Every structure is written in structure tokens, then in C-alpha cells.
Amino acid sequence: MATAVRQPAVAGRFYPANAQHLRAEVETYTTARADASAKSEGRIRALGCVVPHAGYMYSGHVAGAVYRRLDLPRRMVILCPNHTGVGRAAGRPERGRMAHAIGRRPRRRGHGK
């Protein structure tokens, strides 16, 4: 039985479809020089956060600033709304993998139910 793969819906429109270009763009936001007050405050070990995702050209600098401040765990849960309004409120596959320009990530069993 073949594993279902959800393809990226807006690759090439709101972020680069090419893995190398996408990595380079994300790094410009996540490694940008933080202001002096952020450096002195250190990293935050948060239980959750809300990060904008309106397209990297619009909100990448804000999302990058958030991720620079967080002490990210090895494993995370990412919640995403269904932007089309068609189907379920949460945009996630029932099973299988989600493709992205950077690569595929498996969906953990028992999560997202």
C-alpha cells in the first residue's frame, strides 16, 4: 500500500519551491541580527507560541524574530488552519506524510486526532 503524501499547496507563490532557495530565505529571517534587548533576555523555553505565516515576504521577519528567541524542542506539534474553508477546520492529512520544498516529514502515530 502506497503512503499518501500531501503536496505543498502554495510552493513557489508564498515561499520558494526550490529547497536551496527556501533554506537560504528562512536563514535570512532566523539568523538576522537581533536587537540588543533580545540578546540580553536570552532564549525562551515556551510551551507554545503563535507565529505569523502570511507568506515569508510579508511576515518572515516577524516569524524569524520569534524563532530566534525560542529554545525549540526536538519534537513539536504544528497546528495549521484550513485556509480554504473546504473540509475540516484543521489542514492535516489523516495519515501519511506532508511534502514541503525542504523535504517530507512523517506524521507521528497517535498525533493530530
N, C-alpha and C. Protein backbone atom coordinates (compact mmCIF):
# COMPACT_ATOMS: atom_id res chain seq x y z
N MET A 1 0.83 -1.18 0.00
CA MET A 1 0.00 0.00 0.00
C MET A 1 0.88 1.24 0.00
N ALA A 2 0.64 2.16 -0.91
CA ALA A 2 1.43 3.37 -1.04
C ALA A 2 1.07 4.36 0.07
N THR A 3 2.06 5.08 0.56
CA THR A 3 1.84 6.08 1.58
C THR A 3 1.35 7.37 0.92
N ALA A 4 0.28 7.93 1.45
CA ALA A 4 -0.27 9.18 0.92
C ALA A 4 0.68 10.33 1.25
N VAL A 5 0.86 11.23 0.30
CA VAL A 5 1.72 12.39 0.51
C VAL A 5 0.93 13.64 0.14
N ARG A 6 0.74 14.53 1.11
CA ARG A 6 0.07 15.80 0.84
C ARG A 6 1.11 16.76 0.26
N GLN A 7 0.87 17.21 -0.95
CA GLN A 7 1.81 18.10 -1.63
C GLN A 7 1.61 19.54 -1.13
N PRO A 8 2.66 20.36 -1.15
CA PRO A 8 2.52 21.75 -0.72
C PRO A 8 1.56 22.50 -1.65
N ALA A 9 0.67 23.25 -1.07
CA ALA A 9 -0.37 23.93 -1.84
C ALA A 9 0.10 25.23 -2.49
N VAL A 10 1.07 25.93 -1.88
CA VAL A 10 1.44 27.25 -2.39
C VAL A 10 2.95 27.41 -2.62
N ALA A 11 3.68 26.30 -2.74
CA ALA A 11 5.12 26.39 -3.01
C ALA A 11 5.34 27.18 -4.30
N GLY A 12 6.26 28.11 -4.25
CA GLY A 12 6.54 28.93 -5.42
C GLY A 12 5.72 30.21 -5.47
N ARG A 13 4.70 30.30 -4.61
CA ARG A 13 3.89 31.51 -4.57
C ARG A 13 4.16 32.32 -3.30
N PHE A 14 4.08 31.69 -2.13
CA PHE A 14 4.31 32.39 -0.88
C PHE A 14 5.67 32.07 -0.27
N TYR A 15 6.35 31.10 -0.84
CA TYR A 15 7.72 30.76 -0.45
C TYR A 15 8.34 30.02 -1.63
N PRO A 16 9.67 30.00 -1.72
CA PRO A 16 10.33 29.34 -2.84
C PRO A 16 10.02 27.85 -2.90
N ALA A 17 9.84 27.31 -4.10
CA ALA A 17 9.60 25.87 -4.28
C ALA A 17 10.91 25.09 -4.26
N ASN A 18 12.02 25.74 -4.50
CA ASN A 18 13.34 25.12 -4.54
C ASN A 18 13.91 25.02 -3.12
N ALA A 19 14.36 23.83 -2.72
CA ALA A 19 14.84 23.60 -1.36
C ALA A 19 16.00 24.52 -0.98
N GLN A 20 16.98 24.69 -1.86
CA GLN A 20 18.13 25.54 -1.54
C GLN A 20 17.70 26.99 -1.37
N HIS A 21 16.84 27.48 -2.24
CA HIS A 21 16.37 28.86 -2.14
C HIS A 21 15.54 29.07 -0.87
N LEU A 22 14.72 28.08 -0.54
CA LEU A 22 13.90 28.18 0.66
C LEU A 22 14.76 28.19 1.91
N ARG A 23 15.73 27.30 2.00
CA ARG A 23 16.63 27.29 3.17
C ARG A 23 17.34 28.63 3.33
N ALA A 24 17.84 29.16 2.21
CA ALA A 24 18.55 30.44 2.27
C ALA A 24 17.64 31.57 2.75
N GLU A 25 16.39 31.58 2.26
CA GLU A 25 15.46 32.63 2.68
C GLU A 25 15.11 32.51 4.15
N VAL A 26 14.82 31.29 4.60
CA VAL A 26 14.48 31.08 6.01
C VAL A 26 15.66 31.49 6.90
N GLU A 27 16.87 31.16 6.50
CA GLU A 27 18.04 31.54 7.28
C GLU A 27 18.21 33.05 7.39
N THR A 28 17.81 33.80 6.37
CA THR A 28 17.91 35.27 6.48
C THR A 28 17.02 35.79 7.60
N TYR A 29 15.88 35.13 7.83
CA TYR A 29 14.97 35.57 8.89
C TYR A 29 15.36 35.04 10.25
N THR A 30 15.82 33.80 10.33
CA THR A 30 16.10 33.18 11.63
C THR A 30 17.50 33.49 12.16
N THR A 31 18.39 33.98 11.32
CA THR A 31 19.74 34.30 11.79
C THR A 31 20.03 35.79 11.73
N ALA A 32 19.01 36.60 11.41
CA ALA A 32 19.21 38.05 11.36
C ALA A 32 19.66 38.55 12.72
N ARG A 33 20.37 39.64 12.71
CA ARG A 33 20.85 40.20 13.97
C ARG A 33 19.68 40.65 14.82
N ALA A 34 19.60 40.12 16.01
CA ALA A 34 18.55 40.52 16.94
C ALA A 34 18.93 41.84 17.60
N ASP A 35 17.94 42.59 18.06
CA ASP A 35 18.26 43.84 18.72
C ASP A 35 18.92 43.57 20.07
N ALA A 36 19.54 44.57 20.66
CA ALA A 36 20.33 44.40 21.89
C ALA A 36 19.48 43.87 23.04
N SER A 37 18.22 44.32 23.18
CA SER A 37 17.39 43.86 24.29
C SER A 37 17.07 42.38 24.17
N ALA A 38 16.84 41.88 22.96
CA ALA A 38 16.55 40.46 22.77
C ALA A 38 17.76 39.61 23.13
N LYS A 39 18.96 40.07 22.78
CA LYS A 39 20.16 39.31 23.11
C LYS A 39 20.33 39.20 24.62
N SER A 40 20.05 40.29 25.35
CA SER A 40 20.25 40.27 26.79
C SER A 40 19.20 39.43 27.51
N GLU A 41 18.03 39.23 26.90
CA GLU A 41 16.97 38.46 27.54
C GLU A 41 17.17 36.95 27.41
N GLY A 42 17.94 36.50 26.47
CA GLY A 42 18.18 35.08 26.31
C GLY A 42 17.04 34.37 25.60
N ARG A 43 17.15 33.06 25.54
CA ARG A 43 16.15 32.25 24.81
C ARG A 43 15.03 31.82 25.75
N ILE A 44 13.85 31.64 25.19
CA ILE A 44 12.66 31.31 25.95
C ILE A 44 12.28 29.85 25.69
N ARG A 45 12.02 29.12 26.75
CA ARG A 45 11.54 27.74 26.63
C ARG A 45 10.02 27.80 26.79
N ALA A 46 9.32 27.99 25.70
CA ALA A 46 7.88 28.20 25.70
C ALA A 46 7.13 26.88 25.55
N LEU A 47 5.92 26.84 26.09
CA LEU A 47 5.05 25.69 25.89
C LEU A 47 4.30 25.80 24.57
N GLY A 48 4.19 26.99 24.05
CA GLY A 48 3.51 27.21 22.78
C GLY A 48 3.70 28.64 22.33
N CYS A 49 3.45 28.89 21.08
CA CYS A 49 3.54 30.24 20.55
C CYS A 49 2.69 30.35 19.29
N VAL A 50 2.32 31.57 18.96
CA VAL A 50 1.59 31.85 17.73
C VAL A 50 2.54 32.64 16.85
N VAL A 51 2.79 32.12 15.66
CA VAL A 51 3.75 32.73 14.75
C VAL A 51 3.05 33.04 13.43
N PRO A 52 3.21 34.25 12.91
CA PRO A 52 2.55 34.58 11.64
C PRO A 52 3.13 33.77 10.48
N HIS A 53 2.29 33.53 9.48
CA HIS A 53 2.73 32.73 8.34
C HIS A 53 2.06 33.21 7.05
N ALA A 54 1.95 34.51 6.89
CA ALA A 54 1.21 35.09 5.76
C ALA A 54 1.99 35.06 4.45
N GLY A 55 3.07 34.37 4.41
CA GLY A 55 3.98 34.40 3.27
C GLY A 55 5.26 35.05 3.77
N TYR A 56 6.37 34.44 3.49
CA TYR A 56 7.63 34.91 4.06
C TYR A 56 7.92 36.36 3.72
N MET A 57 7.54 36.81 2.52
CA MET A 57 7.81 38.18 2.14
C MET A 57 7.02 39.17 3.00
N TYR A 58 5.91 38.72 3.59
CA TYR A 58 5.10 39.59 4.42
C TYR A 58 5.43 39.48 5.91
N SER A 59 5.61 38.25 6.40
CA SER A 59 5.75 38.08 7.84
C SER A 59 6.99 37.29 8.25
N GLY A 60 7.87 36.99 7.31
CA GLY A 60 9.06 36.21 7.63
C GLY A 60 9.95 36.86 8.68
N HIS A 61 10.08 38.18 8.64
CA HIS A 61 10.93 38.86 9.62
C HIS A 61 10.36 38.75 11.03
N VAL A 62 9.02 38.76 11.16
CA VAL A 62 8.40 38.62 12.48
C VAL A 62 8.53 37.18 12.97
N ALA A 63 8.22 36.22 12.10
CA ALA A 63 8.35 34.81 12.48
C ALA A 63 9.79 34.48 12.84
N GLY A 64 10.73 34.99 12.07
CA GLY A 64 12.15 34.76 12.36
C GLY A 64 12.55 35.30 13.72
N ALA A 65 12.03 36.48 14.07
CA ALA A 65 12.33 37.07 15.38
C ALA A 65 11.80 36.18 16.51
N VAL A 66 10.62 35.60 16.31
CA VAL A 66 10.05 34.70 17.32
C VAL A 66 10.92 33.46 17.45
N TYR A 67 11.23 32.81 16.33
CA TYR A 67 12.01 31.58 16.38
C TYR A 67 13.43 31.81 16.91
N ARG A 68 14.00 32.97 16.67
CA ARG A 68 15.33 33.28 17.23
C ARG A 68 15.31 33.30 18.75
N ARG A 69 14.18 33.70 19.34
CA ARG A 69 14.09 33.81 20.80
C ARG A 69 13.73 32.50 21.48
N LEU A 70 13.18 31.54 20.73
CA LEU A 70 12.71 30.30 21.34
C LEU A 70 13.80 29.24 21.44
N ASP A 71 13.76 28.50 22.53
CA ASP A 71 14.58 27.31 22.70
C ASP A 71 13.71 26.17 22.17
N LEU A 72 13.87 25.84 20.89
CA LEU A 72 12.99 24.87 20.23
C LEU A 72 13.30 23.44 20.66
N PRO A 73 12.26 22.68 21.02
CA PRO A 73 12.47 21.27 21.37
C PRO A 73 12.73 20.45 20.11
N ARG A 74 13.20 19.24 20.30
CA ARG A 74 13.48 18.36 19.16
C ARG A 74 12.20 17.97 18.44
N ARG A 75 11.11 17.80 19.15
CA ARG A 75 9.83 17.38 18.58
C ARG A 75 8.78 18.43 18.92
N MET A 76 7.98 18.82 17.92
CA MET A 76 6.96 19.85 18.10
C MET A 76 5.65 19.43 17.46
N VAL A 77 4.58 20.07 17.88
CA VAL A 77 3.27 19.91 17.25
C VAL A 77 2.98 21.23 16.55
N ILE A 78 2.67 21.14 15.27
CA ILE A 78 2.36 22.34 14.49
C ILE A 78 0.89 22.28 14.12
N LEU A 79 0.15 23.29 14.55
CA LEU A 79 -1.28 23.38 14.25
C LEU A 79 -1.46 24.38 13.12
N CYS A 80 -2.23 24.01 12.13
CA CYS A 80 -2.44 24.85 10.96
C CYS A 80 -3.91 24.95 10.63
N PRO A 81 -4.40 26.16 10.36
CA PRO A 81 -5.80 26.29 9.96
C PRO A 81 -6.00 25.88 8.51
N ASN A 82 -7.22 25.53 8.19
CA ASN A 82 -7.59 25.24 6.81
C ASN A 82 -7.99 26.58 6.19
N HIS A 83 -7.16 27.11 5.32
CA HIS A 83 -7.41 28.42 4.74
C HIS A 83 -8.46 28.44 3.64
N THR A 84 -8.83 27.28 3.12
CA THR A 84 -9.79 27.24 2.01
C THR A 84 -11.23 27.26 2.48
N GLY A 85 -11.47 26.77 3.70
CA GLY A 85 -12.84 26.67 4.19
C GLY A 85 -13.54 25.42 3.71
N VAL A 86 -12.89 24.62 2.89
CA VAL A 86 -13.47 23.38 2.38
C VAL A 86 -12.93 22.22 3.22
N GLY A 87 -13.80 21.39 3.75
CA GLY A 87 -13.35 20.25 4.54
C GLY A 87 -13.20 20.59 6.01
N ARG A 88 -12.33 19.86 6.66
CA ARG A 88 -12.11 20.04 8.11
C ARG A 88 -11.50 21.39 8.43
N ALA A 89 -11.67 21.83 9.67
CA ALA A 89 -11.13 23.12 10.10
C ALA A 89 -9.61 23.11 10.18
N ALA A 90 -9.03 21.95 10.49
CA ALA A 90 -7.57 21.83 10.58
C ALA A 90 -7.04 21.20 9.30
N GLY A 91 -6.06 21.86 8.69
CA GLY A 91 -5.48 21.34 7.45
C GLY A 91 -4.39 20.33 7.72
N ARG A 92 -4.76 19.06 7.80
CA ARG A 92 -3.78 18.00 8.03
C ARG A 92 -4.26 16.73 7.34
N PRO A 93 -3.34 15.92 6.89
CA PRO A 93 -3.76 14.65 6.29
C PRO A 93 -4.15 13.66 7.38
N GLU A 94 -5.02 12.74 7.07
CA GLU A 94 -5.42 11.72 8.03
C GLU A 94 -4.25 10.81 8.39
N ARG A 95 -3.42 10.50 7.41
CA ARG A 95 -2.23 9.66 7.63
C ARG A 95 -1.23 9.96 6.52
N GLY A 96 -0.05 9.42 6.67
CA GLY A 96 0.95 9.61 5.64
C GLY A 96 1.93 10.73 5.95
N ARG A 97 2.37 11.37 4.90
CA ARG A 97 3.41 12.39 5.03
C ARG A 97 2.95 13.70 4.41
N MET A 98 3.64 14.77 4.80
CA MET A 98 3.40 16.07 4.19
C MET A 98 4.67 16.47 3.46
N ALA A 99 4.55 16.78 2.20
CA ALA A 99 5.71 17.21 1.42
C ALA A 99 5.89 18.71 1.61
N HIS A 100 7.11 19.16 1.51
CA HIS A 100 7.45 20.57 1.60
C HIS A 100 8.66 20.76 0.71
N ALA A 101 8.91 21.96 0.31
CA ALA A 101 10.06 22.21 -0.57
C ALA A 101 11.37 21.77 0.09
N ILE A 102 11.45 21.78 1.41
CA ILE A 102 12.68 21.37 2.11
C ILE A 102 12.74 19.85 2.25
N GLY A 103 11.60 19.17 2.25
CA GLY A 103 11.58 17.71 2.36
C GLY A 103 10.32 17.22 3.01
N ARG A 104 10.18 15.91 3.12
CA ARG A 104 8.99 15.31 3.71
C ARG A 104 9.21 15.06 5.19
N ARG A 105 8.14 15.19 5.94
CA ARG A 105 8.16 14.92 7.37
C ARG A 105 7.08 13.90 7.68
N PRO A 106 7.40 12.82 8.40
CA PRO A 106 6.37 11.84 8.73
C PRO A 106 5.43 12.41 9.78
N ARG A 107 4.21 11.99 9.74
CA ARG A 107 3.24 12.34 10.77
C ARG A 107 3.31 11.28 11.84
N ARG A 108 3.50 11.68 13.07
CA ARG A 108 3.65 10.74 14.17
C ARG A 108 2.34 10.04 14.46
N ARG A 109 2.40 8.74 14.71
CA ARG A 109 1.19 7.97 15.02
C ARG A 109 0.60 8.46 16.32
N GLY A 110 -0.73 8.57 16.35
CA GLY A 110 -1.42 8.98 17.57
C GLY A 110 -1.51 10.48 17.75
N HIS A 111 -0.87 11.25 16.88
CA HIS A 111 -0.91 12.70 16.99
C HIS A 111 -1.92 13.24 15.98
N GLY A 112 -2.52 14.35 16.33
CA GLY A 112 -3.40 15.03 15.40
C GLY A 112 -4.78 14.43 15.26
N LYS A 113 -5.19 13.66 16.24
CA LYS A 113 -6.53 13.05 16.17
C LYS A 113 -7.53 13.92 16.88
